[in-house]
Amino acid sequence: MTNTMDKPAIFIAVPTAASDLPVTLKPLLNGIEEEAIPVQTKVIAEDDVTMRTYQAALASRLSVGIGFDDQHVVVHYKNLHAEQPLFTVTRDSADRLRRLGANAARLVKGVPFKTLD
């Protein structure tokens, strides 16, 4: 049987196994889905959202990680410095979250990003 963590996917870092993705992040997932890139959650026990996201990027075979806290969503790429994520946006706009998800997937595909403004 194949371990699902071995399949190429963008990893969304969650702090504990009991953590569910908030409903407010559904647009983020929709943006990734629109670009047809697989995504899955991965438990990473790190308090700092940027470091948690960076660890997700390092663990992902696609080199892209996403993390979130109560106010922000972060996208990181494994070739960037740990403390310098690619994108950090507030969770106050469903449309911006959808475009952020699309941009995470576009990073994998190597195509231009959508504007986040």
PDB file of N, CA and C in Angstrom:
ATOM      1  N   MET A   1       0.841  -1.182   0.000  1.00  0.00           N
ATOM      2  CA  MET A   1       0.000   0.000   0.000  1.00  0.00           C
ATOM      3  C   MET A   1       0.889   1.250   0.000  1.00  0.00           C
ATOM      4  N   THR A   2       0.546   2.227  -0.802  1.00  0.00           N
ATOM      5  CA  THR A   2       1.319   3.456  -0.920  1.00  0.00           C
ATOM      6  C   THR A   2       0.918   4.445   0.163  1.00  0.00           C
ATOM      7  N   ASN A   3       1.905   5.044   0.791  1.00  0.00           N
ATOM      8  CA  ASN A   3       1.669   6.083   1.783  1.00  0.00           C
ATOM      9  C   ASN A   3       1.275   7.358   1.051  1.00  0.00           C
ATOM     10  N   THR A   4       0.150   7.993   1.442  1.00  0.00           N
ATOM     11  CA  THR A   4      -0.303   9.203   0.759  1.00  0.00           C
ATOM     12  C   THR A   4       0.678  10.351   0.910  1.00  0.00           C
ATOM     13  N   MET A   5       1.520  10.344   1.949  1.00  0.00           N
ATOM     14  CA  MET A   5       2.510  11.399   2.118  1.00  0.00           C
ATOM     15  C   MET A   5       3.631  11.281   1.085  1.00  0.00           C
ATOM     16  N   ASP A   6       3.710  10.152   0.362  1.00  0.00           N
ATOM     17  CA  ASP A   6       4.718   9.991  -0.671  1.00  0.00           C
ATOM     18  C   ASP A   6       4.279  10.558  -2.011  1.00  0.00           C
ATOM     19  N   LYS A   7       2.985  10.846  -2.160  1.00  0.00           N
ATOM     20  CA  LYS A   7       2.478  11.394  -3.414  1.00  0.00           C
ATOM     21  C   LYS A   7       2.807  12.882  -3.493  1.00  0.00           C
ATOM     22  N   PRO A   8       3.172  13.358  -4.662  1.00  0.00           N
ATOM     23  CA  PRO A   8       3.445  14.793  -4.798  1.00  0.00           C
ATOM     24  C   PRO A   8       2.195  15.622  -4.492  1.00  0.00           C
ATOM     25  N   ALA A   9       2.343  16.578  -3.600  1.00  0.00           N
ATOM     26  CA  ALA A   9       1.228  17.448  -3.229  1.00  0.00           C
ATOM     27  C   ALA A   9       1.774  18.678  -2.522  1.00  0.00           C
ATOM     28  N   ILE A  10       1.022  19.754  -2.599  1.00  0.00           N
ATOM     29  CA  ILE A  10       1.279  20.908  -1.748  1.00  0.00           C
ATOM     30  C   ILE A  10       0.814  20.509  -0.354  1.00  0.00           C
ATOM     31  N   PHE A  11       1.639  20.755   0.656  1.00  0.00           N
ATOM     32  CA  PHE A  11       1.264  20.428   2.029  1.00  0.00           C
ATOM     33  C   PHE A  11       0.738  21.670   2.740  1.00  0.00           C
ATOM     34  N   ILE A  12      -0.417  21.504   3.385  1.00  0.00           N
ATOM     35  CA  ILE A  12      -0.943  22.535   4.268  1.00  0.00           C
ATOM     36  C   ILE A  12      -0.622  22.095   5.687  1.00  0.00           C
ATOM     37  N   ALA A  13       0.206  22.878   6.364  1.00  0.00           N
ATOM     38  CA  ALA A  13       0.661  22.534   7.711  1.00  0.00           C
ATOM     39  C   ALA A  13      -0.432  22.817   8.729  1.00  0.00           C
ATOM     40  N   VAL A  14      -0.726  21.795   9.543  1.00  0.00           N
ATOM     41  CA  VAL A  14      -1.642  21.963  10.676  1.00  0.00           C
ATOM     42  C   VAL A  14      -0.856  21.647  11.944  1.00  0.00           C
ATOM     43  N   PRO A  15      -1.148  22.356  13.047  1.00  0.00           N
ATOM     44  CA  PRO A  15      -0.332  22.195  14.255  1.00  0.00           C
ATOM     45  C   PRO A  15      -0.518  20.867  14.989  1.00  0.00           C
ATOM     46  N   THR A  16      -1.693  20.255  14.901  1.00  0.00           N
ATOM     47  CA  THR A  16      -1.937  18.978  15.582  1.00  0.00           C
ATOM     48  C   THR A  16      -2.806  18.085  14.706  1.00  0.00           C
ATOM     49  N   ALA A  17      -2.800  16.794  15.008  1.00  0.00           N
ATOM     50  CA  ALA A  17      -3.609  15.842  14.243  1.00  0.00           C
ATOM     51  C   ALA A  17      -5.100  16.144  14.377  1.00  0.00           C
ATOM     52  N   ALA A  18      -5.488  16.757  15.485  1.00  0.00           N
ATOM     53  CA  ALA A  18      -6.896  17.081  15.716  1.00  0.00           C
ATOM     54  C   ALA A  18      -7.314  18.368  15.002  1.00  0.00           C
ATOM     55  N   SER A  19      -6.365  19.068  14.406  1.00  0.00           N
ATOM     56  CA  SER A  19      -6.671  20.337  13.745  1.00  0.00           C
ATOM     57  C   SER A  19      -7.393  20.098  12.424  1.00  0.00           C
ATOM     58  N   ASP A  20      -8.501  20.766  12.272  1.00  0.00           N
ATOM     59  CA  ASP A  20      -9.215  20.756  11.000  1.00  0.00           C
ATOM     60  C   ASP A  20      -8.933  22.070  10.290  1.00  0.00           C
ATOM     61  N   LEU A  21      -9.039  22.042   8.970  1.00  0.00           N
ATOM     62  CA  LEU A  21      -8.915  23.295   8.233  1.00  0.00           C
ATOM     63  C   LEU A  21     -10.164  24.127   8.475  1.00  0.00           C
ATOM     64  N   PRO A  22      -9.999  25.389   8.825  1.00  0.00           N
ATOM     65  CA  PRO A  22     -11.170  26.246   9.030  1.00  0.00           C
ATOM     66  C   PRO A  22     -11.979  26.382   7.734  1.00  0.00           C
ATOM     67  N   VAL A  23     -13.269  26.483   7.876  1.00  0.00           N
ATOM     68  CA  VAL A  23     -14.154  26.652   6.729  1.00  0.00           C
ATOM     69  C   VAL A  23     -13.764  27.890   5.925  1.00  0.00           C
ATOM     70  N   THR A  24     -13.229  28.909   6.589  1.00  0.00           N
ATOM     71  CA  THR A  24     -12.842  30.141   5.902  1.00  0.00           C
ATOM     72  C   THR A  24     -11.691  29.927   4.917  1.00  0.00           C
ATOM     73  N   LEU A  25     -11.010  28.779   4.986  1.00  0.00           N
ATOM     74  CA  LEU A  25      -9.919  28.493   4.048  1.00  0.00           C
ATOM     75  C   LEU A  25     -10.391  27.734   2.808  1.00  0.00           C
ATOM     76  N   LYS A  26     -11.682  27.464   2.698  1.00  0.00           N
ATOM     77  CA  LYS A  26     -12.220  26.766   1.528  1.00  0.00           C
ATOM     78  C   LYS A  26     -11.852  27.473   0.214  1.00  0.00           C
ATOM     79  N   PRO A  27     -11.907  28.804   0.135  1.00  0.00           N
ATOM     80  CA  PRO A  27     -11.496  29.465  -1.111  1.00  0.00           C
ATOM     81  C   PRO A  27     -10.038  29.180  -1.484  1.00  0.00           C
ATOM     82  N   LEU A  28      -9.166  29.054  -0.486  1.00  0.00           N
ATOM     83  CA  LEU A  28      -7.768  28.713  -0.733  1.00  0.00           C
ATOM     84  C   LEU A  28      -7.683  27.360  -1.446  1.00  0.00           C
ATOM     85  N   LEU A  29      -8.409  26.383  -0.921  1.00  0.00           N
ATOM     86  CA  LEU A  29      -8.425  25.055  -1.529  1.00  0.00           C
ATOM     87  C   LEU A  29      -9.016  25.091  -2.940  1.00  0.00           C
ATOM     88  N   ASN A  30     -10.040  25.923  -3.130  1.00  0.00           N
ATOM     89  CA  ASN A  30     -10.641  26.056  -4.457  1.00  0.00           C
ATOM     90  C   ASN A  30      -9.633  26.606  -5.464  1.00  0.00           C
ATOM     91  N   GLY A  31      -8.830  27.574  -5.029  1.00  0.00           N
ATOM     92  CA  GLY A  31      -7.818  28.142  -5.922  1.00  0.00           C
ATOM     93  C   GLY A  31      -6.783  27.114  -6.340  1.00  0.00           C
ATOM     94  N   ILE A  32      -6.378  26.262  -5.405  1.00  0.00           N
ATOM     95  CA  ILE A  32      -5.418  25.196  -5.733  1.00  0.00           C
ATOM     96  C   ILE A  32      -6.067  24.200  -6.683  1.00  0.00           C
ATOM     97  N   GLU A  33      -7.302  23.834  -6.398  1.00  0.00           N
ATOM     98  CA  GLU A  33      -8.029  22.868  -7.227  1.00  0.00           C
ATOM     99  C   GLU A  33      -8.200  23.377  -8.661  1.00  0.00           C
ATOM    100  N   GLU A  34      -8.467  24.673  -8.807  1.00  0.00           N
ATOM    101  CA  GLU A  34      -8.627  25.266 -10.140  1.00  0.00           C
ATOM    102  C   GLU A  34      -7.383  25.071 -11.003  1.00  0.00           C
ATOM    103  N   GLU A  35      -6.230  24.994 -10.361  1.00  0.00           N
ATOM    104  CA  GLU A  35      -4.970  24.813 -11.084  1.00  0.00           C
ATOM    105  C   GLU A  35      -4.573  23.332 -11.181  1.00  0.00           C
ATOM    106  N   ALA A  36      -5.410  22.455 -10.662  1.00  0.00           N
ATOM    107  CA  ALA A  36      -5.241  20.994 -10.780  1.00  0.00           C
ATOM    108  C   ALA A  36      -3.950  20.464 -10.147  1.00  0.00           C
ATOM    109  N   ILE A  37      -3.611  20.990  -8.979  1.00  0.00           N
ATOM    110  CA  ILE A  37      -2.443  20.502  -8.236  1.00  0.00           C
ATOM    111  C   ILE A  37      -2.959  19.834  -6.959  1.00  0.00           C
ATOM    112  N   PRO A  38      -2.461  18.644  -6.623  1.00  0.00           N
ATOM    113  CA  PRO A  38      -2.904  17.968  -5.401  1.00  0.00           C
ATOM    114  C   PRO A  38      -2.478  18.720  -4.142  1.00  0.00           C
ATOM    115  N   VAL A  39      -3.297  18.601  -3.117  1.00  0.00           N
ATOM    116  CA  VAL A  39      -3.025  19.250  -1.838  1.00  0.00           C
ATOM    117  C   VAL A  39      -3.461  18.311  -0.720  1.00  0.00           C
ATOM    118  N   GLN A  40      -2.730  18.331   0.377  1.00  0.00           N
ATOM    119  CA  GLN A  40      -3.114  17.550   1.557  1.00  0.00           C
ATOM    120  C   GLN A  40      -2.549  18.202   2.803  1.00  0.00           C
ATOM    121  N   THR A  41      -3.143  17.864   3.935  1.00  0.00           N
ATOM    122  CA  THR A  41      -2.657  18.413   5.200  1.00  0.00           C
ATOM    123  C   THR A  41      -1.523  17.554   5.745  1.00  0.00           C
ATOM    124  N   LYS A  42      -0.671  18.194   6.530  1.00  0.00           N
ATOM    125  CA  LYS A  42       0.441  17.511   7.192  1.00  0.00           C
ATOM    126  C   LYS A  42       0.612  18.128   8.576  1.00  0.00           C
ATOM    127  N   VAL A  43       0.668  17.292   9.590  1.00  0.00           N
ATOM    128  CA  VAL A  43       0.860  17.772  10.964  1.00  0.00           C
ATOM    129  C   VAL A  43       2.319  18.183  11.144  1.00  0.00           C
ATOM    130  N   ILE A  44       2.507  19.440  11.538  1.00  0.00           N
ATOM    131  CA  ILE A  44       3.833  19.967  11.850  1.00  0.00           C
ATOM    132  C   ILE A  44       3.704  20.748  13.148  1.00  0.00           C
ATOM    133  N   ALA A  45       4.287  20.221  14.201  1.00  0.00           N
ATOM    134  CA  ALA A  45       4.166  20.808  15.542  1.00  0.00           C
ATOM    135  C   ALA A  45       5.195  21.918  15.719  1.00  0.00           C
ATOM    136  N   GLU A  46       4.868  23.061  15.202  1.00  0.00           N
ATOM    137  CA  GLU A  46       5.728  24.256  15.277  1.00  0.00           C
ATOM    138  C   GLU A  46       4.807  25.418  15.616  1.00  0.00           C
ATOM    139  N   ASP A  47       5.164  26.214  16.611  1.00  0.00           N
ATOM    140  CA  ASP A  47       4.310  27.316  17.040  1.00  0.00           C
ATOM    141  C   ASP A  47       4.258  28.467  16.044  1.00  0.00           C
ATOM    142  N   ASP A  48       5.380  28.810  15.446  1.00  0.00           N
ATOM    143  CA  ASP A  48       5.441  29.940  14.519  1.00  0.00           C
ATOM    144  C   ASP A  48       4.900  29.533  13.152  1.00  0.00           C
ATOM    145  N   VAL A  49       3.929  30.280  12.653  1.00  0.00           N
ATOM    146  CA  VAL A  49       3.282  29.915  11.386  1.00  0.00           C
ATOM    147  C   VAL A  49       4.267  29.922  10.214  1.00  0.00           C
ATOM    148  N   THR A  50       5.202  30.856  10.184  1.00  0.00           N
ATOM    149  CA  THR A  50       6.171  30.904   9.089  1.00  0.00           C
ATOM    150  C   THR A  50       7.081  29.684   9.112  1.00  0.00           C
ATOM    151  N   MET A  51       7.551  29.309  10.287  1.00  0.00           N
ATOM    152  CA  MET A  51       8.418  28.122  10.392  1.00  0.00           C
ATOM    153  C   MET A  51       7.641  26.840  10.095  1.00  0.00           C
ATOM    154  N   ARG A  52       6.378  26.786  10.540  1.00  0.00           N
ATOM    155  CA  ARG A  52       5.537  25.627  10.255  1.00  0.00           C
ATOM    156  C   ARG A  52       5.336  25.490   8.748  1.00  0.00           C
ATOM    157  N   THR A  53       5.128  26.613   8.086  1.00  0.00           N
ATOM    158  CA  THR A  53       4.925  26.609   6.640  1.00  0.00           C
ATOM    159  C   THR A  53       6.199  26.211   5.908  1.00  0.00           C
ATOM    160  N   TYR A  54       7.322  26.712   6.360  1.00  0.00           N
ATOM    161  CA  TYR A  54       8.605  26.348   5.750  1.00  0.00           C
ATOM    162  C   TYR A  54       8.865  24.848   5.885  1.00  0.00           C
ATOM    163  N   GLN A  55       8.566  24.285   7.048  1.00  0.00           N
ATOM    164  CA  GLN A  55       8.741  22.847   7.247  1.00  0.00           C
ATOM    165  C   GLN A  55       7.830  22.051   6.308  1.00  0.00           C
ATOM    166  N   ALA A  56       6.637  22.565   6.057  1.00  0.00           N
ATOM    167  CA  ALA A  56       5.729  21.912   5.107  1.00  0.00           C
ATOM    168  C   ALA A  56       6.312  21.948   3.697  1.00  0.00           C
ATOM    169  N   ALA A  57       6.918  23.073   3.330  1.00  0.00           N
ATOM    170  CA  ALA A  57       7.545  23.184   2.003  1.00  0.00           C
ATOM    171  C   ALA A  57       8.703  22.204   1.871  1.00  0.00           C
ATOM    172  N   LEU A  58       9.500  22.077   2.923  1.00  0.00           N
ATOM    173  CA  LEU A  58      10.618  21.132   2.891  1.00  0.00           C
ATOM    174  C   LEU A  58      10.122  19.688   2.766  1.00  0.00           C
ATOM    175  N   ALA A  59       8.993  19.375   3.403  1.00  0.00           N
ATOM    176  CA  ALA A  59       8.464  18.015   3.384  1.00  0.00           C
ATOM    177  C   ALA A  59       7.741  17.668   2.087  1.00  0.00           C
ATOM    178  N   SER A  60       7.244  18.679   1.387  1.00  0.00           N
ATOM    179  CA  SER A  60       6.475  18.459   0.161  1.00  0.00           C
ATOM    180  C   SER A  60       7.384  18.087  -1.004  1.00  0.00           C
ATOM    181  N   ARG A  61       7.009  17.063  -1.749  1.00  0.00           N
ATOM    182  CA  ARG A  61       7.764  16.708  -2.951  1.00  0.00           C
ATOM    183  C   ARG A  61       7.623  17.788  -4.018  1.00  0.00           C
ATOM    184  N   LEU A  62       6.618  18.650  -3.887  1.00  0.00           N
ATOM    185  CA  LEU A  62       6.447  19.767  -4.813  1.00  0.00           C
ATOM    186  C   LEU A  62       7.116  21.041  -4.304  1.00  0.00           C
ATOM    187  N   SER A  63       7.713  20.973  -3.119  1.00  0.00           N
ATOM    188  CA  SER A  63       8.499  22.070  -2.527  1.00  0.00           C
ATOM    189  C   SER A  63       7.676  23.283  -2.123  1.00  0.00           C
ATOM    190  N   VAL A  64       6.371  23.127  -1.982  1.00  0.00           N
ATOM    191  CA  VAL A  64       5.499  24.240  -1.620  1.00  0.00           C
ATOM    192  C   VAL A  64       4.712  23.873  -0.369  1.00  0.00           C
ATOM    193  N   GLY A  65       4.721  24.784   0.605  1.00  0.00           N
ATOM    194  CA  GLY A  65       3.967  24.594   1.828  1.00  0.00           C
ATOM    195  C   GLY A  65       3.074  25.787   2.102  1.00  0.00           C
ATOM    196  N   ILE A  66       1.964  25.513   2.762  1.00  0.00           N
ATOM    197  CA  ILE A  66       1.014  26.550   3.167  1.00  0.00           C
ATOM    198  C   ILE A  66       0.767  26.378   4.658  1.00  0.00           C
ATOM    199  N   GLY A  67       0.684  27.480   5.366  1.00  0.00           N
ATOM    200  CA  GLY A  67       0.366  27.457   6.787  1.00  0.00           C
ATOM    201  C   GLY A  67      -0.588  28.590   7.107  1.00  0.00           C
ATOM    202  N   PHE A  68      -1.196  28.509   8.274  1.00  0.00           N
ATOM    203  CA  PHE A  68      -2.150  29.539   8.663  1.00  0.00           C
ATOM    204  C   PHE A  68      -2.173  29.669  10.174  1.00  0.00           C
ATOM    205  N   ASP A  69      -2.597  30.850  10.616  1.00  0.00           N
ATOM    206  CA  ASP A  69      -2.904  31.074  12.018  1.00  0.00           C
ATOM    207  C   ASP A  69      -4.254  31.772  12.056  1.00  0.00           C
ATOM    208  N   ASP A  70      -4.586  32.407  13.160  1.00  0.00           N
ATOM    209  CA  ASP A  70      -5.906  33.035  13.279  1.00  0.00           C
ATOM    210  C   ASP A  70      -6.112  34.208  12.326  1.00  0.00           C
ATOM    211  N   GLN A  71      -5.029  34.827  11.874  1.00  0.00           N
ATOM    212  CA  GLN A  71      -5.158  36.037  11.069  1.00  0.00           C
ATOM    213  C   GLN A  71      -4.538  35.949   9.681  1.00  0.00           C
ATOM    214  N   HIS A  72      -3.587  35.047   9.460  1.00  0.00           N
ATOM    215  CA  HIS A  72      -2.822  35.037   8.212  1.00  0.00           C
ATOM    216  C   HIS A  72      -2.758  33.655   7.571  1.00  0.00           C
ATOM    217  N   VAL A  73      -2.503  33.672   6.269  1.00  0.00           N
ATOM    218  CA  VAL A  73      -2.169  32.461   5.527  1.00  0.00           C
ATOM    219  C   VAL A  73      -0.834  32.736   4.853  1.00  0.00           C
ATOM    220  N   VAL A  74       0.068  31.770   4.929  1.00  0.00           N
ATOM    221  CA  VAL A  74       1.431  31.920   4.439  1.00  0.00           C
ATOM    222  C   VAL A  74       1.708  30.845   3.392  1.00  0.00           C
ATOM    223  N   VAL A  75       2.378  31.249   2.305  1.00  0.00           N
ATOM    224  CA  VAL A  75       2.860  30.302   1.295  1.00  0.00           C
ATOM    225  C   VAL A  75       4.375  30.374   1.298  1.00  0.00           C
ATOM    226  N   HIS A  76       5.012  29.213   1.359  1.00  0.00           N
ATOM    227  CA  HIS A  76       6.472  29.159   1.400  1.00  0.00           C
ATOM    228  C   HIS A  76       6.986  28.199   0.335  1.00  0.00           C
ATOM    229  N   TYR A  77       8.202  28.444  -0.087  1.00  0.00           N
ATOM    230  CA  TYR A  77       8.890  27.611  -1.072  1.00  0.00           C
ATOM    231  C   TYR A  77      10.209  27.155  -0.457  1.00  0.00           C
ATOM    232  N   LYS A  78      10.572  25.901  -0.664  1.00  0.00           N
ATOM    233  CA  LYS A  78      11.727  25.339   0.046  1.00  0.00           C
ATOM    234  C   LYS A  78      13.054  26.026  -0.272  1.00  0.00           C
ATOM    235  N   ASN A  79      13.177  26.689  -1.412  1.00  0.00           N
ATOM    236  CA  ASN A  79      14.440  27.329  -1.778  1.00  0.00           C
ATOM    237  C   ASN A  79      14.576  28.751  -1.236  1.00  0.00           C
ATOM    238  N   LEU A  80      13.573  29.227  -0.513  1.00  0.00           N
ATOM    239  CA  LEU A  80      13.659  30.549   0.107  1.00  0.00           C
ATOM    240  C   LEU A  80      14.208  30.416   1.523  1.00  0.00           C
ATOM    241  N   HIS A  81      14.677  31.534   2.075  1.00  0.00           N
ATOM    242  CA  HIS A  81      15.114  31.530   3.471  1.00  0.00           C
ATOM    243  C   HIS A  81      13.913  31.222   4.362  1.00  0.00           C
ATOM    244  N   ALA A  82      14.147  30.484   5.415  1.00  0.00           N
ATOM    245  CA  ALA A  82      13.069  30.041   6.304  1.00  0.00           C
ATOM    246  C   ALA A  82      12.205  31.189   6.803  1.00  0.00           C
ATOM    247  N   GLU A  83      12.829  32.316   7.105  1.00  0.00           N
ATOM    248  CA  GLU A  83      12.071  33.437   7.667  1.00  0.00           C
ATOM    249  C   GLU A  83      11.520  34.392   6.611  1.00  0.00           C
ATOM    250  N   GLN A  84      11.619  34.034   5.330  1.00  0.00           N
ATOM    251  CA  GLN A  84      11.145  34.902   4.250  1.00  0.00           C
ATOM    252  C   GLN A  84      10.194  34.151   3.319  1.00  0.00           C
ATOM    253  N   PRO A  85       8.918  34.007   3.719  1.00  0.00           N
ATOM    254  CA  PRO A  85       7.952  33.303   2.872  1.00  0.00           C
ATOM    255  C   PRO A  85       7.666  34.058   1.579  1.00  0.00           C
ATOM    256  N   LEU A  86       7.127  33.355   0.618  1.00  0.00           N
ATOM    257  CA  LEU A  86       6.785  33.956  -0.670  1.00  0.00           C
ATOM    258  C   LEU A  86       5.597  34.904  -0.552  1.00  0.00           C
ATOM    259  N   PHE A  87       4.550  34.454   0.135  1.00  0.00           N
ATOM    260  CA  PHE A  87       3.344  35.263   0.325  1.00  0.00           C
ATOM    261  C   PHE A  87       2.871  35.147   1.768  1.00  0.00           C
ATOM    262  N   THR A  88       2.395  36.258   2.306  1.00  0.00           N
ATOM    263  CA  THR A  88       1.673  36.277   3.571  1.00  0.00           C
ATOM    264  C   THR A  88       0.487  37.201   3.383  1.00  0.00           C
ATOM    265  N   VAL A  89      -0.719  36.674   3.555  1.00  0.00           N
ATOM    266  CA  VAL A  89      -1.924  37.498   3.391  1.00  0.00           C
ATOM    267  C   VAL A  89      -2.836  37.309   4.591  1.00  0.00           C
ATOM    268  N   THR A  90      -3.671  38.312   4.843  1.00  0.00           N
ATOM    269  CA  THR A  90      -4.661  38.200   5.906  1.00  0.00           C
ATOM    270  C   THR A  90      -5.826  37.342   5.409  1.00  0.00           C
ATOM    271  N   ARG A  91      -6.551  36.793   6.358  1.00  0.00           N
ATOM    272  CA  ARG A  91      -7.656  35.886   6.035  1.00  0.00           C
ATOM    273  C   ARG A  91      -8.981  36.611   5.871  1.00  0.00           C
ATOM    274  N   ASP A  92      -8.967  37.893   5.543  1.00  0.00           N
ATOM    275  CA  ASP A  92     -10.201  38.676   5.510  1.00  0.00           C
ATOM    276  C   ASP A  92     -10.900  38.720   4.156  1.00  0.00           C
ATOM    277  N   SER A  93     -10.342  38.111   3.121  1.00  0.00           N
ATOM    278  CA  SER A  93     -10.941  38.168   1.791  1.00  0.00           C
ATOM    279  C   SER A  93     -10.936  36.788   1.141  1.00  0.00           C
ATOM    280  N   ALA A  94     -12.140  36.270   0.874  1.00  0.00           N
ATOM    281  CA  ALA A  94     -12.251  34.961   0.232  1.00  0.00           C
ATOM    282  C   ALA A  94     -11.630  34.990  -1.158  1.00  0.00           C
ATOM    283  N   ASP A  95     -11.820  36.078  -1.892  1.00  0.00           N
ATOM    284  CA  ASP A  95     -11.258  36.172  -3.240  1.00  0.00           C
ATOM    285  C   ASP A  95      -9.727  36.169  -3.200  1.00  0.00           C
ATOM    286  N   ARG A  96      -9.148  36.895  -2.257  1.00  0.00           N
ATOM    287  CA  ARG A  96      -7.687  36.923  -2.127  1.00  0.00           C
ATOM    288  C   ARG A  96      -7.155  35.537  -1.747  1.00  0.00           C
ATOM    289  N   LEU A  97      -7.870  34.829  -0.889  1.00  0.00           N
ATOM    290  CA  LEU A  97      -7.451  33.472  -0.507  1.00  0.00           C
ATOM    291  C   LEU A  97      -7.512  32.526  -1.707  1.00  0.00           C
ATOM    292  N   ARG A  98      -8.535  32.672  -2.542  1.00  0.00           N
ATOM    293  CA  ARG A  98      -8.629  31.839  -3.744  1.00  0.00           C
ATOM    294  C   ARG A  98      -7.453  32.109  -4.662  1.00  0.00           C
ATOM    295  N   ARG A  99      -7.104  33.372  -4.861  1.00  0.00           N
ATOM    296  CA  ARG A  99      -5.958  33.714  -5.708  1.00  0.00           C
ATOM    297  C   ARG A  99      -4.646  33.254  -5.085  1.00  0.00           C
ATOM    298  N   LEU A 100      -4.551  33.295  -3.753  1.00  0.00           N
ATOM    299  CA  LEU A 100      -3.357  32.799  -3.069  1.00  0.00           C
ATOM    300  C   LEU A 100      -3.198  31.302  -3.310  1.00  0.00           C
ATOM    301  N   GLY A 101      -4.286  30.552  -3.204  1.00  0.00           N
ATOM    302  CA  GLY A 101      -4.243  29.120  -3.494  1.00  0.00           C
ATOM    303  C   GLY A 101      -3.819  28.855  -4.926  1.00  0.00           C
ATOM    304  N   ALA A 102      -4.369  29.629  -5.849  1.00  0.00           N
ATOM    305  CA  ALA A 102      -3.975  29.484  -7.259  1.00  0.00           C
ATOM    306  C   ALA A 102      -2.492  29.788  -7.427  1.00  0.00           C
ATOM    307  N   ASN A 103      -1.999  30.796  -6.720  1.00  0.00           N
ATOM    308  CA  ASN A 103      -0.577  31.144  -6.829  1.00  0.00           C
ATOM    309  C   ASN A 103       0.329  30.058  -6.265  1.00  0.00           C
ATOM    310  N   ALA A 104      -0.097  29.414  -5.187  1.00  0.00           N
ATOM    311  CA  ALA A 104       0.688  28.304  -4.650  1.00  0.00           C
ATOM    312  C   ALA A 104       0.796  27.193  -5.703  1.00  0.00           C
ATOM    313  N   ALA A 105      -0.309  26.911  -6.365  1.00  0.00           N
ATOM    314  CA  ALA A 105      -0.307  25.890  -7.415  1.00  0.00           C
ATOM    315  C   ALA A 105       0.492  26.354  -8.628  1.00  0.00           C
ATOM    316  N   ARG A 106       0.395  27.627  -8.957  1.00  0.00           N
ATOM    317  CA  ARG A 106       1.140  28.163 -10.103  1.00  0.00           C
ATOM    318  C   ARG A 106       2.645  28.135  -9.846  1.00  0.00           C
ATOM    319  N   LEU A 107       3.057  28.250  -8.596  1.00  0.00           N
ATOM    320  CA  LEU A 107       4.467  28.111  -8.252  1.00  0.00           C
ATOM    321  C   LEU A 107       4.952  26.720  -8.661  1.00  0.00           C
ATOM    322  N   VAL A 108       4.152  25.712  -8.392  1.00  0.00           N
ATOM    323  CA  VAL A 108       4.493  24.338  -8.778  1.00  0.00           C
ATOM    324  C   VAL A 108       4.573  24.225 -10.300  1.00  0.00           C
ATOM    325  N   LYS A 109       3.615  24.841 -10.992  1.00  0.00           N
ATOM    326  CA  LYS A 109       3.528  24.732 -12.449  1.00  0.00           C
ATOM    327  C   LYS A 109       4.535  25.612 -13.182  1.00  0.00           C
ATOM    328  N   GLY A 110       5.076  26.611 -12.486  1.00  0.00           N
ATOM    329  CA  GLY A 110       6.027  27.514 -13.118  1.00  0.00           C
ATOM    330  C   GLY A 110       5.376  28.519 -14.065  1.00  0.00           C
ATOM    331  N   VAL A 111       4.161  28.934 -13.749  1.00  0.00           N
ATOM    332  CA  VAL A 111       3.471  29.933 -14.576  1.00  0.00           C
ATOM    333  C   VAL A 111       3.284  31.211 -13.760  1.00  0.00           C
ATOM    334  N   PRO A 112       3.032  32.355 -14.433  1.00  0.00           N
ATOM    335  CA  PRO A 112       2.917  33.640 -13.718  1.00  0.00           C
ATOM    336  C   PRO A 112       1.826  33.632 -12.652  1.00  0.00           C
ATOM    337  N   PHE A 113       2.074  34.399 -11.596  1.00  0.00           N
ATOM    338  CA  PHE A 113       1.137  34.526 -10.488  1.00  0.00           C
ATOM    339  C   PHE A 113      -0.015  35.454 -10.828  1.00  0.00           C
ATOM    340  N   LYS A 114      -1.126  35.253 -10.147  1.00  0.00           N
ATOM    341  CA  LYS A 114      -2.237  36.188 -10.172  1.00  0.00           C
ATOM    342  C   LYS A 114      -1.937  37.286  -9.167  1.00  0.00           C
ATOM    343  N   THR A 115      -2.441  38.481  -9.398  1.00  0.00           N
ATOM    344  CA  THR A 115      -2.242  39.559  -8.430  1.00  0.00           C
ATOM    345  C   THR A 115      -3.075  39.284  -7.190  1.00  0.00           C
ATOM    346  N   LEU A 116      -2.564  39.673  -6.047  1.00  0.00           N
ATOM    347  CA  LEU A 116      -3.277  39.458  -4.787  1.00  0.00           C
ATOM    348  C   LEU A 116      -4.003  40.702  -4.305  1.00  0.00           C
ATOM    349  N   ASP A 117      -3.785  41.825  -4.943  1.00  0.00           N
ATOM    350  CA  ASP A 117      -4.427  43.079  -4.517  1.00  0.00           C
ATOM    351  C   ASP A 117      -5.846  43.179  -5.004  1.00  0.00           C
TER     352      ASP A 117
END
